[in-house]
Structure formats: structure tokens, C-alpha cells
Amino acid sequence: MNTQEKKRIVLISPVRDEETFLPTIIESITQQTLTPVEWLIVDDGSTDKTPEILAEAAKKYPWIHVENKPDRGVRSVVPGVV
């Protein structure tokens, strides 16, 4: 087993209304030489196309998991996402 095979990462990303940047971010993560074991993306109540983009990515990549939180009107990283 080489050193690269021993490395494992998990990503956790809070997002809200990121439809502009999300496709590029997803593409970048999927093209890395070290694929995450899991990428948990917590949608903090997006009102744009973020949920649809995330659903498509989760269908395509089984290691992407999406948690959708209700829209509370504002982004609230610590109490909302954690």
C-alpha cells in the first residue's frame, strides 16, 4: 500500500445561495487526485438553484451527501449549520 492510499479526507461545507460558484467548486473537488471519502454539504436554506445543483452532484457522486436546512431568512453558520 502506497502513501497516497493511506490518506483519507472528509469535507464539510456549509453553503447558502451559491449557485454561481457551486458548479466550479464541485468540478474542482471531483478532479482532485485524492477523492474525499465523504463530502457533507449543508445547505443553510438556499433560495436560488443551489439545492438542485447539489441534488444532481449527489446523484453523480455517491460520496457527496447533502443536508438541507430550512430557510430562516439569514445565513447562520454556527447555530444553523452545526
PDB file of N, CA and C in Angstrom:
ATOM      1  N   MET A   1       0.845  -1.176   0.000  1.00  0.00           N
ATOM      2  CA  MET A   1       0.000   0.000   0.000  1.00  0.00           C
ATOM      3  C   MET A   1       0.894   1.245   0.000  1.00  0.00           C
ATOM      4  N   ASN A   2       0.658   2.124  -0.965  1.00  0.00           N
ATOM      5  CA  ASN A   2       1.484   3.322  -1.010  1.00  0.00           C
ATOM      6  C   ASN A   2       0.920   4.408  -0.094  1.00  0.00           C
ATOM      7  N   THR A   3       1.670   5.470   0.086  1.00  0.00           N
ATOM      8  CA  THR A   3       1.292   6.556   0.985  1.00  0.00           C
ATOM      9  C   THR A   3      -0.025   7.204   0.568  1.00  0.00           C
ATOM     10  N   GLN A   4      -0.256   7.370  -0.723  1.00  0.00           N
ATOM     11  CA  GLN A   4      -1.478   8.004  -1.220  1.00  0.00           C
ATOM     12  C   GLN A   4      -2.721   7.186  -0.829  1.00  0.00           C
ATOM     13  N   GLU A   5      -2.630   5.866  -0.840  1.00  0.00           N
ATOM     14  CA  GLU A   5      -3.760   5.016  -0.489  1.00  0.00           C
ATOM     15  C   GLU A   5      -4.133   5.127   0.985  1.00  0.00           C
ATOM     16  N   LYS A   6      -3.214   5.498   1.829  1.00  0.00           N
ATOM     17  CA  LYS A   6      -3.471   5.616   3.259  1.00  0.00           C
ATOM     18  C   LYS A   6      -4.174   6.928   3.616  1.00  0.00           C
ATOM     19  N   LYS A   7      -4.076   7.912   2.768  1.00  0.00           N
ATOM     20  CA  LYS A   7      -4.669   9.216   3.057  1.00  0.00           C
ATOM     21  C   LYS A   7      -6.166   9.176   2.796  1.00  0.00           C
ATOM     22  N   ARG A   8      -6.924   9.698   3.744  1.00  0.00           N
ATOM     23  CA  ARG A   8      -8.377   9.785   3.598  1.00  0.00           C
ATOM     24  C   ARG A   8      -8.827  11.144   4.126  1.00  0.00           C
ATOM     25  N   ILE A   9      -9.751  11.755   3.409  1.00  0.00           N
ATOM     26  CA  ILE A   9     -10.266  13.043   3.859  1.00  0.00           C
ATOM     27  C   ILE A   9     -11.790  13.047   3.809  1.00  0.00           C
ATOM     28  N   VAL A  10     -12.367  13.852   4.677  1.00  0.00           N
ATOM     29  CA  VAL A  10     -13.793  14.131   4.692  1.00  0.00           C
ATOM     30  C   VAL A  10     -13.931  15.642   4.648  1.00  0.00           C
ATOM     31  N   LEU A  11     -14.809  16.128   3.781  1.00  0.00           N
ATOM     32  CA  LEU A  11     -15.054  17.565   3.680  1.00  0.00           C
ATOM     33  C   LEU A  11     -16.431  17.885   4.238  1.00  0.00           C
ATOM     34  N   ILE A  12     -16.536  19.020   4.904  1.00  0.00           N
ATOM     35  CA  ILE A  12     -17.822  19.534   5.368  1.00  0.00           C
ATOM     36  C   ILE A  12     -17.903  20.981   4.908  1.00  0.00           C
ATOM     37  N   SER A  13     -18.948  21.283   4.129  1.00  0.00           N
ATOM     38  CA  SER A  13     -19.074  22.617   3.557  1.00  0.00           C
ATOM     39  C   SER A  13     -20.463  23.187   3.811  1.00  0.00           C
ATOM     40  N   PRO A  14     -20.556  24.285   4.563  1.00  0.00           N
ATOM     41  CA  PRO A  14     -21.842  24.973   4.664  1.00  0.00           C
ATOM     42  C   PRO A  14     -22.016  25.866   3.440  1.00  0.00           C
ATOM     43  N   VAL A  15     -23.217  25.877   2.860  1.00  0.00           N
ATOM     44  CA  VAL A  15     -23.479  26.713   1.687  1.00  0.00           C
ATOM     45  C   VAL A  15     -24.835  27.393   1.838  1.00  0.00           C
ATOM     46  N   ARG A  16     -24.964  28.527   1.182  1.00  0.00           N
ATOM     47  CA  ARG A  16     -26.243  29.226   1.089  1.00  0.00           C
ATOM     48  C   ARG A  16     -26.201  30.111  -0.146  1.00  0.00           C
ATOM     49  N   ASP A  17     -27.112  29.879  -1.067  1.00  0.00           N
ATOM     50  CA  ASP A  17     -27.218  30.677  -2.290  1.00  0.00           C
ATOM     51  C   ASP A  17     -25.882  30.762  -3.032  1.00  0.00           C
ATOM     52  N   GLU A  18     -25.353  29.612  -3.384  1.00  0.00           N
ATOM     53  CA  GLU A  18     -24.049  29.524  -4.039  1.00  0.00           C
ATOM     54  C   GLU A  18     -24.137  29.040  -5.482  1.00  0.00           C
ATOM     55  N   GLU A  19     -25.278  29.237  -6.145  1.00  0.00           N
ATOM     56  CA  GLU A  19     -25.438  28.702  -7.498  1.00  0.00           C
ATOM     57  C   GLU A  19     -24.385  29.213  -8.475  1.00  0.00           C
ATOM     58  N   THR A  20     -23.874  30.404  -8.262  1.00  0.00           N
ATOM     59  CA  THR A  20     -22.863  30.964  -9.167  1.00  0.00           C
ATOM     60  C   THR A  20     -21.546  30.203  -9.091  1.00  0.00           C
ATOM     61  N   PHE A  21     -21.131  29.841  -7.886  1.00  0.00           N
ATOM     62  CA  PHE A  21     -19.807  29.245  -7.691  1.00  0.00           C
ATOM     63  C   PHE A  21     -19.827  27.730  -7.507  1.00  0.00           C
ATOM     64  N   LEU A  22     -20.947  27.178  -7.117  1.00  0.00           N
ATOM     65  CA  LEU A  22     -21.025  25.761  -6.763  1.00  0.00           C
ATOM     66  C   LEU A  22     -20.612  24.808  -7.878  1.00  0.00           C
ATOM     67  N   PRO A  23     -21.045  24.992  -9.117  1.00  0.00           N
ATOM     68  CA  PRO A  23     -20.597  24.054 -10.164  1.00  0.00           C
ATOM     69  C   PRO A  23     -19.078  23.999 -10.313  1.00  0.00           C
ATOM     70  N   THR A  24     -18.423  25.143 -10.216  1.00  0.00           N
ATOM     71  CA  THR A  24     -16.962  25.175 -10.327  1.00  0.00           C
ATOM     72  C   THR A  24     -16.305  24.486  -9.133  1.00  0.00           C
ATOM     73  N   ILE A  25     -16.866  24.700  -7.950  1.00  0.00           N
ATOM     74  CA  ILE A  25     -16.310  24.069  -6.744  1.00  0.00           C
ATOM     75  C   ILE A  25     -16.461  22.549  -6.826  1.00  0.00           C
ATOM     76  N   ILE A  26     -17.638  22.096  -7.225  1.00  0.00           N
ATOM     77  CA  ILE A  26     -17.866  20.654  -7.355  1.00  0.00           C
ATOM     78  C   ILE A  26     -16.906  20.054  -8.375  1.00  0.00           C
ATOM     79  N   GLU A  27     -16.771  20.709  -9.506  1.00  0.00           N
ATOM     80  CA  GLU A  27     -15.843  20.232 -10.545  1.00  0.00           C
ATOM     81  C   GLU A  27     -14.413  20.153 -10.006  1.00  0.00           C
ATOM     82  N   SER A  28     -14.004  21.162  -9.268  1.00  0.00           N
ATOM     83  CA  SER A  28     -12.653  21.185  -8.712  1.00  0.00           C
ATOM     84  C   SER A  28     -12.430  20.040  -7.738  1.00  0.00           C
ATOM     85  N   ILE A  29     -13.380  19.813  -6.838  1.00  0.00           N
ATOM     86  CA  ILE A  29     -13.231  18.737  -5.853  1.00  0.00           C
ATOM     87  C   ILE A  29     -13.197  17.371  -6.547  1.00  0.00           C
ATOM     88  N   THR A  30     -14.034  17.185  -7.550  1.00  0.00           N
ATOM     89  CA  THR A  30     -14.076  15.883  -8.218  1.00  0.00           C
ATOM     90  C   THR A  30     -12.835  15.612  -9.054  1.00  0.00           C
ATOM     91  N   GLN A  31     -12.078  16.638  -9.381  1.00  0.00           N
ATOM     92  CA  GLN A  31     -10.874  16.462 -10.204  1.00  0.00           C
ATOM     93  C   GLN A  31      -9.593  16.329  -9.377  1.00  0.00           C
ATOM     94  N   GLN A  32      -9.703  16.383  -8.066  1.00  0.00           N
ATOM     95  CA  GLN A  32      -8.517  16.261  -7.221  1.00  0.00           C
ATOM     96  C   GLN A  32      -7.947  14.844  -7.295  1.00  0.00           C
ATOM     97  N   THR A  33      -6.670  14.703  -7.035  1.00  0.00           N
ATOM     98  CA  THR A  33      -6.047  13.381  -7.061  1.00  0.00           C
ATOM     99  C   THR A  33      -6.467  12.528  -5.862  1.00  0.00           C
ATOM    100  N   LEU A  34      -6.870  13.166  -4.782  1.00  0.00           N
ATOM    101  CA  LEU A  34      -7.355  12.456  -3.599  1.00  0.00           C
ATOM    102  C   LEU A  34      -8.850  12.758  -3.463  1.00  0.00           C
ATOM    103  N   THR A  35      -9.676  11.781  -3.796  1.00  0.00           N
ATOM    104  CA  THR A  35     -11.122  11.950  -3.694  1.00  0.00           C
ATOM    105  C   THR A  35     -11.546  11.804  -2.238  1.00  0.00           C
ATOM    106  N   PRO A  36     -12.433  12.669  -1.761  1.00  0.00           N
ATOM    107  CA  PRO A  36     -12.890  12.537  -0.367  1.00  0.00           C
ATOM    108  C   PRO A  36     -13.624  11.224  -0.133  1.00  0.00           C
ATOM    109  N   VAL A  37     -13.526  10.716   1.071  1.00  0.00           N
ATOM    110  CA  VAL A  37     -14.317   9.563   1.479  1.00  0.00           C
ATOM    111  C   VAL A  37     -15.783   9.999   1.531  1.00  0.00           C
ATOM    112  N   GLU A  38     -15.992  11.212   2.018  1.00  0.00           N
ATOM    113  CA  GLU A  38     -17.324  11.795   2.077  1.00  0.00           C
ATOM    114  C   GLU A  38     -17.198  13.307   1.998  1.00  0.00           C
ATOM    115  N   TRP A  39     -18.166  13.908   1.339  1.00  0.00           N
ATOM    116  CA  TRP A  39     -18.267  15.371   1.301  1.00  0.00           C
ATOM    117  C   TRP A  39     -19.673  15.698   1.756  1.00  0.00           C
ATOM    118  N   LEU A  40     -19.793  16.196   2.969  1.00  0.00           N
ATOM    119  CA  LEU A  40     -21.073  16.596   3.518  1.00  0.00           C
ATOM    120  C   LEU A  40     -21.268  18.079   3.217  1.00  0.00           C
ATOM    121  N   ILE A  41     -22.310  18.379   2.458  1.00  0.00           N
ATOM    122  CA  ILE A  41     -22.622  19.761   2.112  1.00  0.00           C
ATOM    123  C   ILE A  41     -23.929  20.115   2.810  1.00  0.00           C
ATOM    124  N   VAL A  42     -23.870  21.108   3.684  1.00  0.00           N
ATOM    125  CA  VAL A  42     -25.046  21.529   4.438  1.00  0.00           C
ATOM    126  C   VAL A  42     -25.582  22.804   3.807  1.00  0.00           C
ATOM    127  N   ASP A  43     -26.753  22.684   3.199  1.00  0.00           N
ATOM    128  CA  ASP A  43     -27.401  23.831   2.571  1.00  0.00           C
ATOM    129  C   ASP A  43     -28.212  24.559   3.638  1.00  0.00           C
ATOM    130  N   ASP A  44     -27.803  25.762   3.945  1.00  0.00           N
ATOM    131  CA  ASP A  44     -28.408  26.562   5.014  1.00  0.00           C
ATOM    132  C   ASP A  44     -29.576  27.396   4.482  1.00  0.00           C
ATOM    133  N   GLY A  45     -30.540  26.732   3.838  1.00  0.00           N
ATOM    134  CA  GLY A  45     -31.753  27.413   3.402  1.00  0.00           C
ATOM    135  C   GLY A  45     -31.628  28.223   2.131  1.00  0.00           C
ATOM    136  N   SER A  46     -30.925  27.727   1.143  1.00  0.00           N
ATOM    137  CA  SER A  46     -30.753  28.461  -0.113  1.00  0.00           C
ATOM    138  C   SER A  46     -32.099  28.746  -0.774  1.00  0.00           C
ATOM    139  N   THR A  47     -32.165  29.908  -1.423  1.00  0.00           N
ATOM    140  CA  THR A  47     -33.383  30.297  -2.143  1.00  0.00           C
ATOM    141  C   THR A  47     -33.137  30.368  -3.648  1.00  0.00           C
ATOM    142  N   ASP A  48     -31.932  30.011  -4.078  1.00  0.00           N
ATOM    143  CA  ASP A  48     -31.604  30.006  -5.506  1.00  0.00           C
ATOM    144  C   ASP A  48     -31.586  28.561  -6.004  1.00  0.00           C
ATOM    145  N   LYS A  49     -30.786  28.252  -6.989  1.00  0.00           N
ATOM    146  CA  LYS A  49     -30.738  26.896  -7.558  1.00  0.00           C
ATOM    147  C   LYS A  49     -29.726  25.979  -6.870  1.00  0.00           C
ATOM    148  N   THR A  50     -29.187  26.408  -5.760  1.00  0.00           N
ATOM    149  CA  THR A  50     -28.221  25.596  -5.020  1.00  0.00           C
ATOM    150  C   THR A  50     -28.754  24.192  -4.716  1.00  0.00           C
ATOM    151  N   PRO A  51     -29.980  24.027  -4.201  1.00  0.00           N
ATOM    152  CA  PRO A  51     -30.455  22.663  -3.906  1.00  0.00           C
ATOM    153  C   PRO A  51     -30.495  21.752  -5.125  1.00  0.00           C
ATOM    154  N   GLU A  52     -30.872  22.288  -6.275  1.00  0.00           N
ATOM    155  CA  GLU A  52     -30.926  21.475  -7.491  1.00  0.00           C
ATOM    156  C   GLU A  52     -29.527  21.059  -7.942  1.00  0.00           C
ATOM    157  N   ILE A  53     -28.580  21.976  -7.846  1.00  0.00           N
ATOM    158  CA  ILE A  53     -27.194  21.686  -8.215  1.00  0.00           C
ATOM    159  C   ILE A  53     -26.632  20.594  -7.296  1.00  0.00           C
ATOM    160  N   LEU A  54     -26.914  20.717  -6.007  1.00  0.00           N
ATOM    161  CA  LEU A  54     -26.428  19.729  -5.043  1.00  0.00           C
ATOM    162  C   LEU A  54     -27.065  18.366  -5.275  1.00  0.00           C
ATOM    163  N   ALA A  55     -28.348  18.333  -5.579  1.00  0.00           N
ATOM    164  CA  ALA A  55     -29.028  17.060  -5.816  1.00  0.00           C
ATOM    165  C   ALA A  55     -28.421  16.343  -7.023  1.00  0.00           C
ATOM    166  N   GLU A  56     -28.125  17.077  -8.074  1.00  0.00           N
ATOM    167  CA  GLU A  56     -27.504  16.476  -9.259  1.00  0.00           C
ATOM    168  C   GLU A  56     -26.114  15.927  -8.940  1.00  0.00           C
ATOM    169  N   ALA A  57     -25.343  16.695  -8.177  1.00  0.00           N
ATOM    170  CA  ALA A  57     -23.996  16.249  -7.814  1.00  0.00           C
ATOM    171  C   ALA A  57     -24.055  14.990  -6.952  1.00  0.00           C
ATOM    172  N   ALA A  58     -25.006  14.953  -6.021  1.00  0.00           N
ATOM    173  CA  ALA A  58     -25.138  13.783  -5.138  1.00  0.00           C
ATOM    174  C   ALA A  58     -25.553  12.538  -5.918  1.00  0.00           C
ATOM    175  N   LYS A  59     -26.333  12.719  -6.981  1.00  0.00           N
ATOM    176  CA  LYS A  59     -26.701  11.577  -7.825  1.00  0.00           C
ATOM    177  C   LYS A  59     -25.492  11.052  -8.596  1.00  0.00           C
ATOM    178  N   LYS A  60     -24.637  11.963  -9.010  1.00  0.00           N
ATOM    179  CA  LYS A  60     -23.483  11.599  -9.834  1.00  0.00           C
ATOM    180  C   LYS A  60     -22.327  11.020  -9.012  1.00  0.00           C
ATOM    181  N   TYR A  61     -22.146  11.539  -7.811  1.00  0.00           N
ATOM    182  CA  TYR A  61     -21.016  11.121  -6.959  1.00  0.00           C
ATOM    183  C   TYR A  61     -21.559  10.573  -5.636  1.00  0.00           C
ATOM    184  N   PRO A  62     -21.455   9.284  -5.394  1.00  0.00           N
ATOM    185  CA  PRO A  62     -22.042   8.682  -4.199  1.00  0.00           C
ATOM    186  C   PRO A  62     -21.409   9.130  -2.880  1.00  0.00           C
ATOM    187  N   TRP A  63     -20.266   9.754  -2.936  1.00  0.00           N
ATOM    188  CA  TRP A  63     -19.606  10.219  -1.723  1.00  0.00           C
ATOM    189  C   TRP A  63     -20.013  11.652  -1.354  1.00  0.00           C
ATOM    190  N   ILE A  64     -20.887  12.270  -2.149  1.00  0.00           N
ATOM    191  CA  ILE A  64     -21.435  13.588  -1.804  1.00  0.00           C
ATOM    192  C   ILE A  64     -22.775  13.377  -1.106  1.00  0.00           C
ATOM    193  N   HIS A  65     -22.889  13.930   0.091  1.00  0.00           N
ATOM    194  CA  HIS A  65     -24.123  13.856   0.867  1.00  0.00           C
ATOM    195  C   HIS A  65     -24.588  15.274   1.185  1.00  0.00           C
ATOM    196  N   VAL A  66     -25.874  15.511   1.018  1.00  0.00           N
ATOM    197  CA  VAL A  66     -26.431  16.847   1.204  1.00  0.00           C
ATOM    198  C   VAL A  66     -27.417  16.832   2.360  1.00  0.00           C
ATOM    199  N   GLU A  67     -27.279  17.804   3.228  1.00  0.00           N
ATOM    200  CA  GLU A  67     -28.218  18.023   4.325  1.00  0.00           C
ATOM    201  C   GLU A  67     -28.866  19.380   4.077  1.00  0.00           C
ATOM    202  N   ASN A  68     -30.177  19.389   3.923  1.00  0.00           N
ATOM    203  CA  ASN A  68     -30.895  20.638   3.654  1.00  0.00           C
ATOM    204  C   ASN A  68     -31.533  21.164   4.930  1.00  0.00           C
ATOM    205  N   LYS A  69     -31.217  22.399   5.264  1.00  0.00           N
ATOM    206  CA  LYS A  69     -31.811  23.078   6.409  1.00  0.00           C
ATOM    207  C   LYS A  69     -32.873  24.052   5.902  1.00  0.00           C
ATOM    208  N   PRO A  70     -33.880  24.341   6.705  1.00  0.00           N
ATOM    209  CA  PRO A  70     -34.914  25.283   6.263  1.00  0.00           C
ATOM    210  C   PRO A  70     -34.367  26.713   6.179  1.00  0.00           C
ATOM    211  N   ASP A  71     -34.990  27.501   5.316  1.00  0.00           N
ATOM    212  CA  ASP A  71     -34.615  28.913   5.167  1.00  0.00           C
ATOM    213  C   ASP A  71     -35.116  29.691   6.377  1.00  0.00           C
ATOM    214  N   ARG A  72     -34.189  30.271   7.120  1.00  0.00           N
ATOM    215  CA  ARG A  72     -34.534  31.104   8.272  1.00  0.00           C
ATOM    216  C   ARG A  72     -34.395  32.585   7.939  1.00  0.00           C
ATOM    217  N   GLY A  73     -34.112  32.885   6.678  1.00  0.00           N
ATOM    218  CA  GLY A  73     -34.010  34.271   6.245  1.00  0.00           C
ATOM    219  C   GLY A  73     -32.599  34.828   6.232  1.00  0.00           C
ATOM    220  N   VAL A  74     -31.672  34.207   6.952  1.00  0.00           N
ATOM    221  CA  VAL A  74     -30.283  34.661   7.001  1.00  0.00           C
ATOM    222  C   VAL A  74     -29.365  33.454   7.079  1.00  0.00           C
ATOM    223  N   ARG A  75     -28.125  33.687   6.694  1.00  0.00           N
ATOM    224  CA  ARG A  75     -27.117  32.640   6.864  1.00  0.00           C
ATOM    225  C   ARG A  75     -26.697  32.638   8.318  1.00  0.00           C
ATOM    226  N   SER A  76     -26.651  31.483   8.909  1.00  0.00           N
ATOM    227  CA  SER A  76     -26.300  31.366  10.315  1.00  0.00           C
ATOM    228  C   SER A  76     -25.410  30.149  10.484  1.00  0.00           C
ATOM    229  N   VAL A  77     -24.137  30.326  10.243  1.00  0.00           N
ATOM    230  CA  VAL A  77     -23.207  29.191  10.165  1.00  0.00           C
ATOM    231  C   VAL A  77     -23.152  28.377  11.437  1.00  0.00           C
ATOM    232  N   VAL A  78     -22.873  28.971  12.562  1.00  0.00           N
ATOM    233  CA  VAL A  78     -22.687  28.160  13.777  1.00  0.00           C
ATOM    234  C   VAL A  78     -23.991  27.546  14.269  1.00  0.00           C
ATOM    235  N   PRO A  79     -24.995  28.323  14.661  1.00  0.00           N
ATOM    236  CA  PRO A  79     -26.210  27.669  15.165  1.00  0.00           C
ATOM    237  C   PRO A  79     -27.036  26.999  14.085  1.00  0.00           C
ATOM    238  N   GLY A  80     -26.940  27.469  12.844  1.00  0.00           N
ATOM    239  CA  GLY A  80     -27.756  26.923  11.779  1.00  0.00           C
ATOM    240  C   GLY A  80     -27.211  25.651  11.172  1.00  0.00           C
ATOM    241  N   VAL A  81     -25.928  25.628  10.921  1.00  0.00           N
ATOM    242  CA  VAL A  81     -25.332  24.508  10.210  1.00  0.00           C
ATOM    243  C   VAL A  81     -24.795  23.445  11.153  1.00  0.00           C
ATOM    244  N   VAL A  82     -24.121  23.855  12.192  1.00  0.00           N
ATOM    245  CA  VAL A  82     -23.509  22.907  13.105  1.00  0.00           C
ATOM    246  C   VAL A  82     -24.586  22.200  13.904  1.00  0.00           C
TER     247      VAL A  82
END
